[in-house]
Amino acid sequence: LRLRELGYANTANSRIRAVFGSRLSKYNDAQLTALK
């Protein structure tokens, strides 16, 4: 599909951490939820 990367607002934080790893390690779960 010819898509652009869409947001991660509905993605579980654990999945986001698995995909993006250390790039998001400075955020706790509440901060990551707000960020996404």
All heavy atoms as atom14 arrays in JSON, in Angstrom:
{
  "sequence": "LRLRELGYANTANSRIRAVFGSRLSKYNDAQLTALK",
  "atom14_mask": [
    [1, 1, 1, 1, 1, 1, 1, 1, 0, 0, 0, 0, 0, 0],
    [1, 1, 1, 1, 1, 1, 1, 1, 1, 1, 1, 0, 0, 0],
    [1, 1, 1, 1, 1, 1, 1, 1, 0, 0, 0, 0, 0, 0],
    [1, 1, 1, 1, 1, 1, 1, 1, 1, 1, 1, 0, 0, 0],
    [1, 1, 1, 1, 1, 1, 1, 1, 1, 0, 0, 0, 0, 0],
    [1, 1, 1, 1, 1, 1, 1, 1, 0, 0, 0, 0, 0, 0],
    [1, 1, 1, 1, 0, 0, 0, 0, 0, 0, 0, 0, 0, 0],
    [1, 1, 1, 1, 1, 1, 1, 1, 1, 1, 1, 1, 0, 0],
    [1, 1, 1, 1, 1, 0, 0, 0, 0, 0, 0, 0, 0, 0],
    [1, 1, 1, 1, 1, 1, 1, 1, 0, 0, 0, 0, 0, 0],
    [1, 1, 1, 1, 1, 1, 1, 0, 0, 0, 0, 0, 0, 0],
    [1, 1, 1, 1, 1, 0, 0, 0, 0, 0, 0, 0, 0, 0],
    [1, 1, 1, 1, 1, 1, 1, 1, 0, 0, 0, 0, 0, 0],
    [1, 1, 1, 1, 1, 1, 0, 0, 0, 0, 0, 0, 0, 0],
    [1, 1, 1, 1, 1, 1, 1, 1, 1, 1, 1, 0, 0, 0],
    [1, 1, 1, 1, 1, 1, 1, 1, 0, 0, 0, 0, 0, 0],
    [1, 1, 1, 1, 1, 1, 1, 1, 1, 1, 1, 0, 0, 0],
    [1, 1, 1, 1, 1, 0, 0, 0, 0, 0, 0, 0, 0, 0],
    [1, 1, 1, 1, 1, 1, 1, 0, 0, 0, 0, 0, 0, 0],
    [1, 1, 1, 1, 1, 1, 1, 1, 1, 1, 1, 0, 0, 0],
    [1, 1, 1, 1, 0, 0, 0, 0, 0, 0, 0, 0, 0, 0],
    [1, 1, 1, 1, 1, 1, 0, 0, 0, 0, 0, 0, 0, 0],
    [1, 1, 1, 1, 1, 1, 1, 1, 1, 1, 1, 0, 0, 0],
    [1, 1, 1, 1, 1, 1, 1, 1, 0, 0, 0, 0, 0, 0],
    [1, 1, 1, 1, 1, 1, 0, 0, 0, 0, 0, 0, 0, 0],
    [1, 1, 1, 1, 1, 1, 1, 1, 1, 0, 0, 0, 0, 0],
    [1, 1, 1, 1, 1, 1, 1, 1, 1, 1, 1, 1, 0, 0],
    [1, 1, 1, 1, 1, 1, 1, 1, 0, 0, 0, 0, 0, 0],
    [1, 1, 1, 1, 1, 1, 1, 1, 0, 0, 0, 0, 0, 0],
    [1, 1, 1, 1, 1, 0, 0, 0, 0, 0, 0, 0, 0, 0],
    [1, 1, 1, 1, 1, 1, 1, 1, 1, 0, 0, 0, 0, 0],
    [1, 1, 1, 1, 1, 1, 1, 1, 0, 0, 0, 0, 0, 0],
    [1, 1, 1, 1, 1, 1, 1, 0, 0, 0, 0, 0, 0, 0],
    [1, 1, 1, 1, 1, 0, 0, 0, 0, 0, 0, 0, 0, 0],
    [1, 1, 1, 1, 1, 1, 1, 1, 0, 0, 0, 0, 0, 0],
    [1, 1, 1, 1, 1, 1, 1, 1, 1, 0, 0, 0, 0, 0]
  ],
  "atom14_positions": [
    [[0.86, -1.18, 0.0], [0.0, 0.0, 0.0], [0.89, 1.23, 0.0], [1.92, 1.26, 0.66], [-0.91, 0.0, 1.24], [-1.83, -1.2, 1.36], [-2.54, -1.19, 2.7], [-2.83, -1.24, 0.22], [0.0, 0.0, 0.0], [0.0, 0.0, 0.0], [0.0, 0.0, 0.0], [0.0, 0.0, 0.0], [0.0, 0.0, 0.0], [0.0, 0.0, 0.0]],
    [[0.51, 2.27, -0.73], [1.31, 3.48, -0.81], [0.97, 4.4, 0.35], [0.25, 5.36, 0.21], [1.09, 4.18, -2.15], [1.55, 3.35, -3.32], [1.32, 4.03, -4.61], [-0.09, 4.4, -4.74], [-0.54, 5.25, -5.64], [0.25, 5.83, -6.48], [-1.82, 5.52, -5.7], [0.0, 0.0, 0.0], [0.0, 0.0, 0.0], [0.0, 0.0, 0.0]],
    [[1.51, 4.08, 1.5], [1.18, 4.81, 2.72], [2.33, 5.65, 3.22], [3.48, 5.38, 2.93], [0.81, 3.82, 3.83], [-0.39, 2.94, 3.61], [-0.49, 1.92, 4.73], [-1.66, 3.77, 3.54], [0.0, 0.0, 0.0], [0.0, 0.0, 0.0], [0.0, 0.0, 0.0], [0.0, 0.0, 0.0], [0.0, 0.0, 0.0], [0.0, 0.0, 0.0]],
    [[2.0, 6.61, 4.04], [3.01, 7.27, 4.85], [2.87, 6.69, 6.24], [1.81, 6.19, 6.62], [2.86, 8.78, 4.84], [1.7, 9.32, 5.62], [1.7, 10.86, 5.57], [0.57, 11.39, 6.25], [0.58, 11.82, 7.5], [1.68, 11.8, 8.21], [-0.5, 12.3, 8.05], [0.0, 0.0, 0.0], [0.0, 0.0, 0.0], [0.0, 0.0, 0.0]],
    [[3.94, 6.74, 6.98], [3.9, 6.22, 8.34], [2.88, 7.01, 9.13], [2.93, 8.23, 9.19], [5.29, 6.36, 8.96], [5.49, 5.63, 10.22], [6.95, 5.64, 10.66], [7.75, 6.42, 10.11], [7.26, 4.86, 11.55], [0.0, 0.0, 0.0], [0.0, 0.0, 0.0], [0.0, 0.0, 0.0], [0.0, 0.0, 0.0], [0.0, 0.0, 0.0]],
    [[1.94, 6.31, 9.72], [0.89, 6.96, 10.47], [1.27, 7.01, 11.94], [2.27, 6.42, 12.35], [-0.44, 6.23, 10.27], [-0.9, 6.16, 8.81], [-2.14, 5.28, 8.69], [-1.17, 7.54, 8.25], [0.0, 0.0, 0.0], [0.0, 0.0, 0.0], [0.0, 0.0, 0.0], [0.0, 0.0, 0.0], [0.0, 0.0, 0.0], [0.0, 0.0, 0.0]],
    [[0.5, 7.66, 12.74], [0.81, 7.79, 14.16], [0.73, 6.48, 14.92], [0.22, 5.49, 14.44], [0.0, 0.0, 0.0], [0.0, 0.0, 0.0], [0.0, 0.0, 0.0], [0.0, 0.0, 0.0], [0.0, 0.0, 0.0], [0.0, 0.0, 0.0], [0.0, 0.0, 0.0], [0.0, 0.0, 0.0], [0.0, 0.0, 0.0], [0.0, 0.0, 0.0]],
    [[1.25, 6.52, 16.14], [1.29, 5.34, 17.0], [0.38, 5.5, 18.22], [0.52, 4.78, 19.19], [2.73, 5.1, 17.45], [3.6, 4.54, 16.34], [4.15, 5.37, 15.38], [3.83, 3.18, 16.26], [4.93, 4.86, 14.36], [4.61, 2.65, 15.24], [5.15, 3.5, 14.29], [5.92, 2.98, 13.27], [0.0, 0.0, 0.0], [0.0, 0.0, 0.0]],
    [[-0.57, 6.4, 18.17], [-1.44, 6.69, 19.31], [-2.17, 5.45, 19.82], [-2.39, 5.32, 21.03], [-2.44, 7.78, 18.97], [0.0, 0.0, 0.0], [0.0, 0.0, 0.0], [0.0, 0.0, 0.0], [0.0, 0.0, 0.0], [0.0, 0.0, 0.0], [0.0, 0.0, 0.0], [0.0, 0.0, 0.0], [0.0, 0.0, 0.0], [0.0, 0.0, 0.0]],
    [[-2.53, 4.53, 18.95], [-3.27, 3.35, 19.35], [-2.39, 2.1, 19.49], [-2.9, 0.99, 19.56], [-4.4, 3.08, 18.36], [-5.41, 4.21, 18.36], [-5.76, 4.73, 19.41], [-5.86, 4.6, 17.18], [0.0, 0.0, 0.0], [0.0, 0.0, 0.0], [0.0, 0.0, 0.0], [0.0, 0.0, 0.0], [0.0, 0.0, 0.0], [0.0, 0.0, 0.0]],
    [[-1.09, 2.3, 19.51], [-0.15, 1.19, 19.62], [0.3, 1.05, 21.08], [0.57, 2.06, 21.74], [1.08, 1.44, 18.72], [0.62, 1.65, 17.38], [2.04, 0.27, 18.76], [0.0, 0.0, 0.0], [0.0, 0.0, 0.0], [0.0, 0.0, 0.0], [0.0, 0.0, 0.0], [0.0, 0.0, 0.0], [0.0, 0.0, 0.0], [0.0, 0.0, 0.0]],
    [[0.38, -0.17, 21.55], [0.82, -0.42, 22.93], [2.24, 0.1, 23.15], [3.09, -0.03, 22.26], [0.77, -1.91, 23.23], [0.0, 0.0, 0.0], [0.0, 0.0, 0.0], [0.0, 0.0, 0.0], [0.0, 0.0, 0.0], [0.0, 0.0, 0.0], [0.0, 0.0, 0.0], [0.0, 0.0, 0.0], [0.0, 0.0, 0.0], [0.0, 0.0, 0.0]],
    [[2.47, 0.66, 24.3], [3.81, 1.18, 24.61], [4.87, 0.1, 24.5], [5.99, 0.36, 24.04], [3.83, 1.8, 26.01], [3.11, 3.12, 26.07], [2.67, 3.65, 25.06], [2.97, 3.66, 27.26], [0.0, 0.0, 0.0], [0.0, 0.0, 0.0], [0.0, 0.0, 0.0], [0.0, 0.0, 0.0], [0.0, 0.0, 0.0], [0.0, 0.0, 0.0]],
    [[4.55, -1.12, 24.89], [5.52, -2.21, 24.81], [5.93, -2.47, 23.36], [7.09, -2.72, 23.06], [4.97, -3.49, 25.44], [3.78, -3.89, 24.8], [0.0, 0.0, 0.0], [0.0, 0.0, 0.0], [0.0, 0.0, 0.0], [0.0, 0.0, 0.0], [0.0, 0.0, 0.0], [0.0, 0.0, 0.0], [0.0, 0.0, 0.0], [0.0, 0.0, 0.0]],
    [[4.98, -2.38, 22.43], [5.29, -2.57, 21.01], [6.14, -1.41, 20.49], [7.1, -1.62, 19.75], [3.99, -2.69, 20.2], [4.19, -2.77, 18.72], [4.86, -4.07, 18.3], [5.08, -4.07, 16.86], [6.15, -4.54, 16.27], [7.11, -5.1, 16.97], [6.26, -4.5, 14.96], [0.0, 0.0, 0.0], [0.0, 0.0, 0.0], [0.0, 0.0, 0.0]],
    [[5.8, -0.2, 20.88], [6.58, 0.97, 20.46], [8.01, 0.84, 20.97], [8.97, 1.09, 20.23], [5.92, 2.27, 20.97], [4.59, 2.5, 20.25], [6.86, 3.46, 20.78], [3.76, 3.62, 20.82], [0.0, 0.0, 0.0], [0.0, 0.0, 0.0], [0.0, 0.0, 0.0], [0.0, 0.0, 0.0], [0.0, 0.0, 0.0], [0.0, 0.0, 0.0]],
    [[8.17, 0.43, 22.2], [9.53, 0.25, 22.76], [10.29, -0.84, 22.02], [11.5, -0.72, 21.79], [9.44, -0.04, 24.25], [8.98, 1.15, 25.07], [9.06, 0.87, 26.57], [8.38, 1.88, 27.35], [8.79, 3.13, 27.54], [9.92, 3.54, 27.01], [8.08, 3.96, 28.29], [0.0, 0.0, 0.0], [0.0, 0.0, 0.0], [0.0, 0.0, 0.0]],
    [[9.6, -1.91, 21.61], [10.25, -2.98, 20.86], [10.73, -2.49, 19.49], [11.8, -2.87, 19.03], [9.3, -4.16, 20.7], [0.0, 0.0, 0.0], [0.0, 0.0, 0.0], [0.0, 0.0, 0.0], [0.0, 0.0, 0.0], [0.0, 0.0, 0.0], [0.0, 0.0, 0.0], [0.0, 0.0, 0.0], [0.0, 0.0, 0.0], [0.0, 0.0, 0.0]],
    [[9.95, -1.62, 18.87], [10.3, -1.12, 17.54], [11.4, -0.06, 17.62], [12.36, -0.09, 16.85], [9.05, -0.55, 16.82], [9.42, 0.17, 15.55], [8.05, -1.66, 16.55], [0.0, 0.0, 0.0], [0.0, 0.0, 0.0], [0.0, 0.0, 0.0], [0.0, 0.0, 0.0], [0.0, 0.0, 0.0], [0.0, 0.0, 0.0], [0.0, 0.0, 0.0]],
    [[11.26, 0.89, 18.54], [12.17, 2.04, 18.56], [13.25, 1.98, 19.62], [14.13, 2.84, 19.67], [11.35, 3.34, 18.69], [10.48, 3.59, 17.49], [9.11, 3.39, 17.57], [11.02, 3.99, 16.28], [8.3, 3.6, 16.47], [10.22, 4.2, 15.17], [8.86, 4.01, 15.26], [0.0, 0.0, 0.0], [0.0, 0.0, 0.0], [0.0, 0.0, 0.0]],
    [[13.21, 0.99, 20.48], [14.28, 0.73, 21.44], [14.73, 1.91, 22.27], [13.91, 2.64, 22.83], [0.0, 0.0, 0.0], [0.0, 0.0, 0.0], [0.0, 0.0, 0.0], [0.0, 0.0, 0.0], [0.0, 0.0, 0.0], [0.0, 0.0, 0.0], [0.0, 0.0, 0.0], [0.0, 0.0, 0.0], [0.0, 0.0, 0.0], [0.0, 0.0, 0.0]],
    [[16.03, 2.11, 22.31], [16.63, 3.1, 23.21], [16.24, 4.54, 22.88], [16.39, 5.42, 23.72], [18.15, 2.96, 23.19], [18.65, 3.25, 21.9], [0.0, 0.0, 0.0], [0.0, 0.0, 0.0], [0.0, 0.0, 0.0], [0.0, 0.0, 0.0], [0.0, 0.0, 0.0], [0.0, 0.0, 0.0], [0.0, 0.0, 0.0], [0.0, 0.0, 0.0]],
    [[15.73, 4.77, 21.68], [15.34, 6.14, 21.33], [14.25, 6.69, 22.25], [14.08, 7.89, 22.36], [14.86, 6.22, 19.88], [15.99, 6.07, 18.88], [15.47, 6.16, 17.48], [15.35, 4.83, 16.94], [14.86, 4.55, 15.75], [14.39, 5.52, 14.99], [14.81, 3.33, 15.32], [0.0, 0.0, 0.0], [0.0, 0.0, 0.0], [0.0, 0.0, 0.0]],
    [[13.53, 5.8, 22.9], [12.44, 6.23, 23.78], [12.66, 5.83, 25.23], [11.75, 5.94, 26.05], [11.11, 5.65, 23.27], [10.7, 6.13, 21.87], [9.51, 5.35, 21.36], [10.42, 7.61, 21.87], [0.0, 0.0, 0.0], [0.0, 0.0, 0.0], [0.0, 0.0, 0.0], [0.0, 0.0, 0.0], [0.0, 0.0, 0.0], [0.0, 0.0, 0.0]],
    [[13.87, 5.4, 25.56], [14.15, 4.91, 26.92], [14.04, 5.99, 27.99], [13.8, 5.68, 29.15], [15.53, 4.26, 26.97], [16.53, 5.2, 26.66], [0.0, 0.0, 0.0], [0.0, 0.0, 0.0], [0.0, 0.0, 0.0], [0.0, 0.0, 0.0], [0.0, 0.0, 0.0], [0.0, 0.0, 0.0], [0.0, 0.0, 0.0], [0.0, 0.0, 0.0]],
    [[14.17, 7.26, 27.6], [14.09, 8.32, 28.6], [12.65, 8.64, 29.02], [12.42, 9.4, 29.94], [14.79, 9.58, 28.11], [14.12, 10.27, 26.93], [14.91, 11.49, 26.51], [14.29, 12.22, 25.34], [15.07, 13.38, 24.94], [0.0, 0.0, 0.0], [0.0, 0.0, 0.0], [0.0, 0.0, 0.0], [0.0, 0.0, 0.0], [0.0, 0.0, 0.0]],
    [[11.68, 8.04, 28.34], [10.27, 8.31, 28.64], [9.69, 7.18, 29.48], [9.82, 6.0, 29.12], [9.45, 8.43, 27.35], [9.91, 9.55, 26.45], [10.75, 9.29, 25.36], [9.5, 10.85, 26.67], [11.16, 10.31, 24.52], [9.91, 11.88, 25.83], [10.75, 11.61, 24.78], [11.16, 12.62, 23.95], [0.0, 0.0, 0.0], [0.0, 0.0, 0.0]],
    [[9.01, 7.53, 30.58], [8.27, 6.5, 31.32], [6.97, 6.25, 30.55], [6.68, 6.93, 29.56], [8.05, 6.9, 32.78], [7.17, 8.14, 32.94], [6.22, 8.36, 32.18], [7.48, 8.96, 33.94], [0.0, 0.0, 0.0], [0.0, 0.0, 0.0], [0.0, 0.0, 0.0], [0.0, 0.0, 0.0], [0.0, 0.0, 0.0], [0.0, 0.0, 0.0]],
    [[6.17, 5.3, 31.0], [4.95, 4.95, 30.25], [3.96, 6.1, 30.14], [3.36, 6.29, 29.08], [4.27, 3.72, 30.87], [4.85, 2.43, 30.33], [5.49, 2.45, 29.26], [4.66, 1.39, 30.99], [0.0, 0.0, 0.0], [0.0, 0.0, 0.0], [0.0, 0.0, 0.0], [0.0, 0.0, 0.0], [0.0, 0.0, 0.0], [0.0, 0.0, 0.0]],
    [[3.8, 6.88, 31.18], [2.87, 8.01, 31.12], [3.36, 9.04, 30.11], [2.57, 9.59, 29.33], [2.71, 8.65, 32.5], [0.0, 0.0, 0.0], [0.0, 0.0, 0.0], [0.0, 0.0, 0.0], [0.0, 0.0, 0.0], [0.0, 0.0, 0.0], [0.0, 0.0, 0.0], [0.0, 0.0, 0.0], [0.0, 0.0, 0.0], [0.0, 0.0, 0.0]],
    [[4.67, 9.32, 30.1], [5.23, 10.28, 29.15], [5.12, 9.76, 27.72], [4.81, 10.52, 26.81], [6.7, 10.56, 29.5], [6.88, 11.32, 30.79], [8.35, 11.33, 31.24], [9.07, 10.36, 31.08], [8.76, 12.47, 31.81], [0.0, 0.0, 0.0], [0.0, 0.0, 0.0], [0.0, 0.0, 0.0], [0.0, 0.0, 0.0], [0.0, 0.0, 0.0]],
    [[5.39, 8.45, 27.53], [5.28, 7.87, 26.2], [3.84, 7.91, 25.7], [3.59, 8.21, 24.53], [5.82, 6.44, 26.19], [5.8, 5.73, 24.84], [6.5, 6.53, 23.75], [6.43, 4.35, 24.98], [0.0, 0.0, 0.0], [0.0, 0.0, 0.0], [0.0, 0.0, 0.0], [0.0, 0.0, 0.0], [0.0, 0.0, 0.0], [0.0, 0.0, 0.0]],
    [[2.9, 7.65, 26.57], [1.48, 7.73, 26.19], [1.13, 9.14, 25.73], [0.43, 9.32, 24.72], [0.59, 7.29, 27.36], [0.89, 5.92, 27.66], [-0.89, 7.43, 27.04], [0.0, 0.0, 0.0], [0.0, 0.0, 0.0], [0.0, 0.0, 0.0], [0.0, 0.0, 0.0], [0.0, 0.0, 0.0], [0.0, 0.0, 0.0], [0.0, 0.0, 0.0]],
    [[1.61, 10.14, 26.43], [1.37, 11.53, 26.02], [2.08, 11.84, 24.71], [1.51, 12.48, 23.82], [1.83, 12.49, 27.13], [0.0, 0.0, 0.0], [0.0, 0.0, 0.0], [0.0, 0.0, 0.0], [0.0, 0.0, 0.0], [0.0, 0.0, 0.0], [0.0, 0.0, 0.0], [0.0, 0.0, 0.0], [0.0, 0.0, 0.0], [0.0, 0.0, 0.0]],
    [[3.31, 11.39, 24.58], [4.11, 11.66, 23.38], [3.47, 11.05, 22.14], [3.35, 11.72, 21.1], [5.53, 11.1, 23.55], [6.49, 11.32, 22.39], [6.81, 12.81, 22.23], [7.78, 10.53, 22.62], [0.0, 0.0, 0.0], [0.0, 0.0, 0.0], [0.0, 0.0, 0.0], [0.0, 0.0, 0.0], [0.0, 0.0, 0.0], [0.0, 0.0, 0.0]],
    [[3.02, 9.83, 22.23], [2.46, 9.17, 21.05], [1.13, 9.75, 20.6], [0.69, 9.51, 19.47], [2.36, 7.66, 21.27], [1.3, 7.22, 22.24], [1.34, 5.71, 22.45], [0.22, 5.24, 23.35], [0.28, 3.8, 23.58], [0.0, 0.0, 0.0], [0.0, 0.0, 0.0], [0.0, 0.0, 0.0], [0.0, 0.0, 0.0], [0.0, 0.0, 0.0]]
  ]
}
